[in-house]
Amino acid sequence: MEIINLNNAQKVSFKIDGYKMFSSDKIEIIRLKLDPREILEPHANPNDVIFYVVDGEGTFSNNQEETIIKKDSCFRILKNEIRGWKNINNKDLVILVIKLL
């Protein structure tokens, strides 16, 4: 059994504070942390994604629509849909991103 934590996880290749917590040929789990007022610009992804908000509150944008998502909320976005996040608070926004490969 391999235990992965923030000290030994692989950093994501983009600017956001994110770490790959698990990766296989079927699923990838990434922990993202957005600082207060930080934005993850809208983008498309070739995978279905499940988001789970671990801590904080943020605005999720999806195809020009914005929704406030709070702690302990979970939802799925289909592949190739535009998605982005904005931390709207003065504390960190922590999200688990579960990519279905």
N, C-alpha and C. Protein backbone atom coordinates (compact mmCIF):
# COMPACT_ATOMS: atom_id res chain seq x y z
N MET A 1 0.85 -1.18 0.00
CA MET A 1 0.00 0.00 0.00
C MET A 1 0.89 1.24 0.00
N GLU A 2 0.58 2.17 -0.87
CA GLU A 2 1.32 3.43 -0.94
C GLU A 2 0.43 4.54 -0.40
N ILE A 3 0.94 5.25 0.59
CA ILE A 3 0.22 6.40 1.16
C ILE A 3 0.73 7.66 0.48
N ILE A 4 -0.19 8.43 -0.09
CA ILE A 4 0.17 9.69 -0.73
C ILE A 4 -0.38 10.82 0.11
N ASN A 5 0.47 11.80 0.41
CA ASN A 5 0.04 12.99 1.13
C ASN A 5 0.62 14.22 0.43
N LEU A 6 0.34 15.38 0.94
CA LEU A 6 0.81 16.60 0.27
C LEU A 6 2.33 16.72 0.22
N ASN A 7 3.02 16.01 1.09
CA ASN A 7 4.49 16.07 1.10
C ASN A 7 5.12 15.24 -0.01
N ASN A 8 4.43 14.17 -0.46
CA ASN A 8 5.03 13.32 -1.49
C ASN A 8 4.21 13.25 -2.77
N ALA A 9 3.10 13.99 -2.86
CA ALA A 9 2.26 13.98 -4.06
C ALA A 9 2.91 14.79 -5.17
N GLN A 10 2.60 14.41 -6.40
CA GLN A 10 3.11 15.13 -7.57
C GLN A 10 2.33 16.42 -7.77
N LYS A 11 3.05 17.52 -7.96
CA LYS A 11 2.43 18.83 -8.20
C LYS A 11 1.82 18.83 -9.60
N VAL A 12 0.67 19.48 -9.76
CA VAL A 12 0.06 19.60 -11.08
C VAL A 12 0.90 20.54 -11.94
N SER A 13 0.72 20.44 -13.25
CA SER A 13 1.58 21.18 -14.16
C SER A 13 1.10 22.61 -14.45
N PHE A 14 0.00 23.02 -13.86
CA PHE A 14 -0.46 24.39 -14.08
C PHE A 14 -0.29 25.22 -12.82
N LYS A 15 -0.57 26.53 -12.91
CA LYS A 15 -0.21 27.51 -11.89
C LYS A 15 -0.93 27.35 -10.54
N ILE A 16 -2.09 26.76 -10.50
CA ILE A 16 -2.87 26.61 -9.26
C ILE A 16 -2.15 25.66 -8.29
N ASP A 17 -2.35 25.87 -6.99
CA ASP A 17 -1.79 24.99 -5.96
C ASP A 17 -2.58 23.68 -5.99
N GLY A 18 -2.04 22.70 -6.68
CA GLY A 18 -2.73 21.43 -6.82
C GLY A 18 -1.78 20.26 -6.81
N TYR A 19 -2.27 19.13 -6.30
CA TYR A 19 -1.44 17.91 -6.18
C TYR A 19 -2.24 16.70 -6.61
N LYS A 20 -1.59 15.81 -7.37
CA LYS A 20 -2.20 14.53 -7.74
C LYS A 20 -2.12 13.61 -6.54
N MET A 21 -3.26 13.28 -5.99
CA MET A 21 -3.31 12.44 -4.80
C MET A 21 -3.44 10.96 -5.16
N PHE A 22 -3.93 10.69 -6.38
CA PHE A 22 -4.06 9.31 -6.86
C PHE A 22 -4.18 9.35 -8.37
N SER A 23 -3.59 8.35 -9.02
CA SER A 23 -3.69 8.27 -10.47
C SER A 23 -3.64 6.81 -10.91
N SER A 24 -4.56 6.45 -11.82
CA SER A 24 -4.56 5.12 -12.42
C SER A 24 -5.02 5.29 -13.86
N ASP A 25 -5.23 4.20 -14.55
CA ASP A 25 -5.68 4.31 -15.93
C ASP A 25 -7.18 4.65 -16.04
N LYS A 26 -7.91 4.66 -14.91
CA LYS A 26 -9.35 4.93 -14.93
C LYS A 26 -9.78 6.18 -14.17
N ILE A 27 -8.94 6.61 -13.22
CA ILE A 27 -9.33 7.73 -12.36
C ILE A 27 -8.10 8.51 -11.92
N GLU A 28 -8.30 9.80 -11.71
CA GLU A 28 -7.24 10.64 -11.15
C GLU A 28 -7.90 11.56 -10.12
N ILE A 29 -7.28 11.67 -8.96
CA ILE A 29 -7.80 12.54 -7.91
C ILE A 29 -6.78 13.64 -7.66
N ILE A 30 -7.25 14.88 -7.77
CA ILE A 30 -6.39 16.04 -7.58
C ILE A 30 -6.97 16.90 -6.47
N ARG A 31 -6.09 17.36 -5.59
CA ARG A 31 -6.50 18.30 -4.55
C ARG A 31 -6.08 19.69 -5.00
N LEU A 32 -7.06 20.58 -5.15
CA LEU A 32 -6.78 21.97 -5.51
C LEU A 32 -7.03 22.87 -4.33
N LYS A 33 -6.18 23.89 -4.18
CA LYS A 33 -6.40 24.92 -3.16
C LYS A 33 -6.30 26.27 -3.83
N LEU A 34 -7.39 27.02 -3.76
CA LEU A 34 -7.39 28.38 -4.27
C LEU A 34 -7.32 29.33 -3.10
N ASP A 35 -6.37 30.23 -3.15
CA ASP A 35 -6.24 31.26 -2.12
C ASP A 35 -7.43 32.21 -2.18
N PRO A 36 -7.63 33.01 -1.13
CA PRO A 36 -8.72 33.98 -1.16
C PRO A 36 -8.68 34.83 -2.44
N ARG A 37 -9.80 34.90 -3.11
CA ARG A 37 -10.01 35.69 -4.34
C ARG A 37 -9.27 35.13 -5.57
N GLU A 38 -8.64 33.97 -5.45
CA GLU A 38 -7.94 33.38 -6.58
C GLU A 38 -8.94 32.79 -7.58
N ILE A 39 -8.55 32.77 -8.85
CA ILE A 39 -9.41 32.31 -9.93
C ILE A 39 -8.73 31.19 -10.72
N LEU A 40 -9.47 30.14 -11.00
CA LEU A 40 -9.06 29.12 -11.96
C LEU A 40 -9.88 29.43 -13.21
N GLU A 41 -9.21 29.97 -14.22
CA GLU A 41 -9.88 30.45 -15.42
C GLU A 41 -10.72 29.35 -16.08
N PRO A 42 -11.84 29.72 -16.69
CA PRO A 42 -12.66 28.74 -17.41
C PRO A 42 -11.85 28.03 -18.49
N HIS A 43 -12.07 26.74 -18.59
CA HIS A 43 -11.33 25.90 -19.53
C HIS A 43 -12.15 24.63 -19.80
N ALA A 44 -11.82 23.94 -20.86
CA ALA A 44 -12.45 22.65 -21.16
C ALA A 44 -11.51 21.54 -20.71
N ASN A 45 -12.07 20.37 -20.48
CA ASN A 45 -11.28 19.21 -20.07
C ASN A 45 -11.83 18.00 -20.83
N PRO A 46 -10.96 17.13 -21.35
CA PRO A 46 -11.45 15.99 -22.14
C PRO A 46 -12.00 14.83 -21.31
N ASN A 47 -12.23 15.06 -20.01
CA ASN A 47 -12.73 14.01 -19.13
C ASN A 47 -13.96 14.47 -18.37
N ASP A 48 -14.85 13.53 -18.03
CA ASP A 48 -15.88 13.82 -17.05
C ASP A 48 -15.16 14.05 -15.72
N VAL A 49 -15.68 15.00 -14.93
CA VAL A 49 -15.04 15.35 -13.67
C VAL A 49 -16.09 15.45 -12.57
N ILE A 50 -15.76 14.92 -11.41
CA ILE A 50 -16.58 15.10 -10.21
C ILE A 50 -15.82 16.05 -9.30
N PHE A 51 -16.49 17.10 -8.84
CA PHE A 51 -15.91 18.05 -7.91
C PHE A 51 -16.53 17.84 -6.52
N TYR A 52 -15.68 17.87 -5.50
CA TYR A 52 -16.16 17.83 -4.11
C TYR A 52 -15.47 18.96 -3.36
N VAL A 53 -16.25 19.88 -2.81
CA VAL A 53 -15.69 21.01 -2.06
C VAL A 53 -15.42 20.55 -0.64
N VAL A 54 -14.14 20.48 -0.29
CA VAL A 54 -13.70 20.02 1.03
C VAL A 54 -13.82 21.14 2.05
N ASP A 55 -13.46 22.36 1.64
CA ASP A 55 -13.49 23.49 2.57
C ASP A 55 -13.67 24.78 1.80
N GLY A 56 -14.38 25.71 2.38
CA GLY A 56 -14.57 27.02 1.78
C GLY A 56 -15.83 27.10 0.94
N GLU A 57 -15.84 28.12 0.10
CA GLU A 57 -16.99 28.41 -0.74
C GLU A 57 -16.48 29.13 -1.99
N GLY A 58 -17.04 28.77 -3.14
CA GLY A 58 -16.57 29.41 -4.36
C GLY A 58 -17.67 29.51 -5.39
N THR A 59 -17.37 30.27 -6.42
CA THR A 59 -18.27 30.38 -7.55
C THR A 59 -17.75 29.47 -8.65
N PHE A 60 -18.61 28.57 -9.11
CA PHE A 60 -18.27 27.67 -10.19
C PHE A 60 -18.93 28.20 -11.45
N SER A 61 -18.15 28.35 -12.52
CA SER A 61 -18.72 28.78 -13.79
C SER A 61 -18.73 27.60 -14.75
N ASN A 62 -19.85 27.46 -15.45
CA ASN A 62 -20.04 26.36 -16.39
C ASN A 62 -20.85 26.88 -17.57
N ASN A 63 -20.19 26.96 -18.72
CA ASN A 63 -20.88 27.43 -19.93
C ASN A 63 -21.62 28.75 -19.70
N GLN A 64 -20.91 29.74 -19.19
CA GLN A 64 -21.41 31.11 -18.99
C GLN A 64 -22.34 31.27 -17.78
N GLU A 65 -22.64 30.20 -17.04
CA GLU A 65 -23.51 30.28 -15.87
C GLU A 65 -22.66 30.13 -14.62
N GLU A 66 -22.94 30.96 -13.58
CA GLU A 66 -22.20 30.88 -12.33
C GLU A 66 -23.11 30.40 -11.20
N THR A 67 -22.55 29.52 -10.34
CA THR A 67 -23.28 28.98 -9.20
C THR A 67 -22.37 29.00 -7.99
N ILE A 68 -22.88 29.43 -6.85
CA ILE A 68 -22.10 29.38 -5.62
C ILE A 68 -22.16 27.96 -5.08
N ILE A 69 -20.97 27.40 -4.82
CA ILE A 69 -20.85 26.03 -4.31
C ILE A 69 -20.21 26.10 -2.93
N LYS A 70 -20.82 25.45 -1.96
CA LYS A 70 -20.34 25.51 -0.58
C LYS A 70 -19.71 24.19 -0.14
N LYS A 71 -19.04 24.25 0.99
CA LYS A 71 -18.39 23.09 1.60
C LYS A 71 -19.34 21.89 1.65
N ASP A 72 -18.76 20.71 1.42
CA ASP A 72 -19.47 19.43 1.45
C ASP A 72 -20.50 19.28 0.33
N SER A 73 -20.26 19.98 -0.79
CA SER A 73 -21.10 19.82 -1.99
C SER A 73 -20.32 19.05 -3.04
N CYS A 74 -21.04 18.27 -3.83
CA CYS A 74 -20.42 17.41 -4.83
C CYS A 74 -21.27 17.45 -6.10
N PHE A 75 -20.62 17.50 -7.26
CA PHE A 75 -21.35 17.48 -8.52
C PHE A 75 -20.43 17.01 -9.65
N ARG A 76 -21.06 16.67 -10.78
CA ARG A 76 -20.33 16.14 -11.93
C ARG A 76 -20.49 17.08 -13.13
N ILE A 77 -19.40 17.23 -13.88
CA ILE A 77 -19.39 17.99 -15.13
C ILE A 77 -18.91 17.06 -16.24
N LEU A 78 -19.60 17.08 -17.36
CA LEU A 78 -19.24 16.20 -18.46
C LEU A 78 -18.03 16.71 -19.23
N LYS A 79 -17.36 15.81 -19.92
CA LYS A 79 -16.16 16.17 -20.69
C LYS A 79 -16.48 17.27 -21.69
N ASN A 80 -15.47 18.06 -21.95
CA ASN A 80 -15.49 19.16 -22.92
C ASN A 80 -16.39 20.33 -22.54
N GLU A 81 -17.06 20.29 -21.38
CA GLU A 81 -17.81 21.45 -20.92
C GLU A 81 -16.84 22.47 -20.31
N ILE A 82 -17.09 23.73 -20.56
CA ILE A 82 -16.25 24.79 -20.00
C ILE A 82 -16.54 24.86 -18.50
N ARG A 83 -15.43 24.92 -17.72
CA ARG A 83 -15.59 25.00 -16.27
C ARG A 83 -14.48 25.87 -15.69
N GLY A 84 -14.79 26.56 -14.58
CA GLY A 84 -13.82 27.40 -13.88
C GLY A 84 -14.28 27.66 -12.46
N TRP A 85 -13.35 28.14 -11.63
CA TRP A 85 -13.65 28.40 -10.22
C TRP A 85 -13.16 29.79 -9.83
N LYS A 86 -13.85 30.38 -8.87
CA LYS A 86 -13.41 31.64 -8.27
C LYS A 86 -13.65 31.54 -6.77
N ASN A 87 -12.58 31.73 -5.98
CA ASN A 87 -12.72 31.74 -4.52
C ASN A 87 -13.31 33.09 -4.13
N ILE A 88 -14.47 33.11 -3.54
CA ILE A 88 -15.18 34.36 -3.24
C ILE A 88 -15.05 34.77 -1.77
N ASN A 89 -14.22 34.06 -1.02
CA ASN A 89 -14.09 34.35 0.41
C ASN A 89 -12.68 34.78 0.78
N ASN A 90 -12.51 35.05 2.06
CA ASN A 90 -11.21 35.43 2.59
C ASN A 90 -10.49 34.26 3.24
N LYS A 91 -10.91 33.04 2.93
CA LYS A 91 -10.21 31.85 3.38
C LYS A 91 -10.03 30.91 2.19
N ASP A 92 -9.19 29.92 2.34
CA ASP A 92 -8.88 29.01 1.25
C ASP A 92 -10.11 28.24 0.79
N LEU A 93 -10.13 27.93 -0.50
CA LEU A 93 -11.13 27.05 -1.09
C LEU A 93 -10.39 25.77 -1.49
N VAL A 94 -10.80 24.64 -0.90
CA VAL A 94 -10.14 23.36 -1.17
C VAL A 94 -11.14 22.45 -1.87
N ILE A 95 -10.70 21.91 -3.01
CA ILE A 95 -11.57 21.09 -3.87
C ILE A 95 -10.88 19.80 -4.23
N LEU A 96 -11.60 18.70 -4.15
CA LEU A 96 -11.12 17.44 -4.73
C LEU A 96 -11.70 17.34 -6.12
N VAL A 97 -10.81 17.11 -7.08
CA VAL A 97 -11.20 16.95 -8.47
C VAL A 97 -10.99 15.48 -8.82
N ILE A 98 -12.05 14.80 -9.17
CA ILE A 98 -11.98 13.37 -9.50
C ILE A 98 -12.22 13.25 -10.99
N LYS A 99 -11.15 12.98 -11.74
CA LYS A 99 -11.24 12.85 -13.19
C LYS A 99 -11.51 11.40 -13.55
N LEU A 100 -12.54 11.20 -14.34
CA LEU A 100 -12.86 9.86 -14.82
C LEU A 100 -12.21 9.70 -16.19
N LEU A 101 -11.14 8.92 -16.24
CA LEU A 101 -10.33 8.81 -17.45
C LEU A 101 -10.88 7.78 -18.42
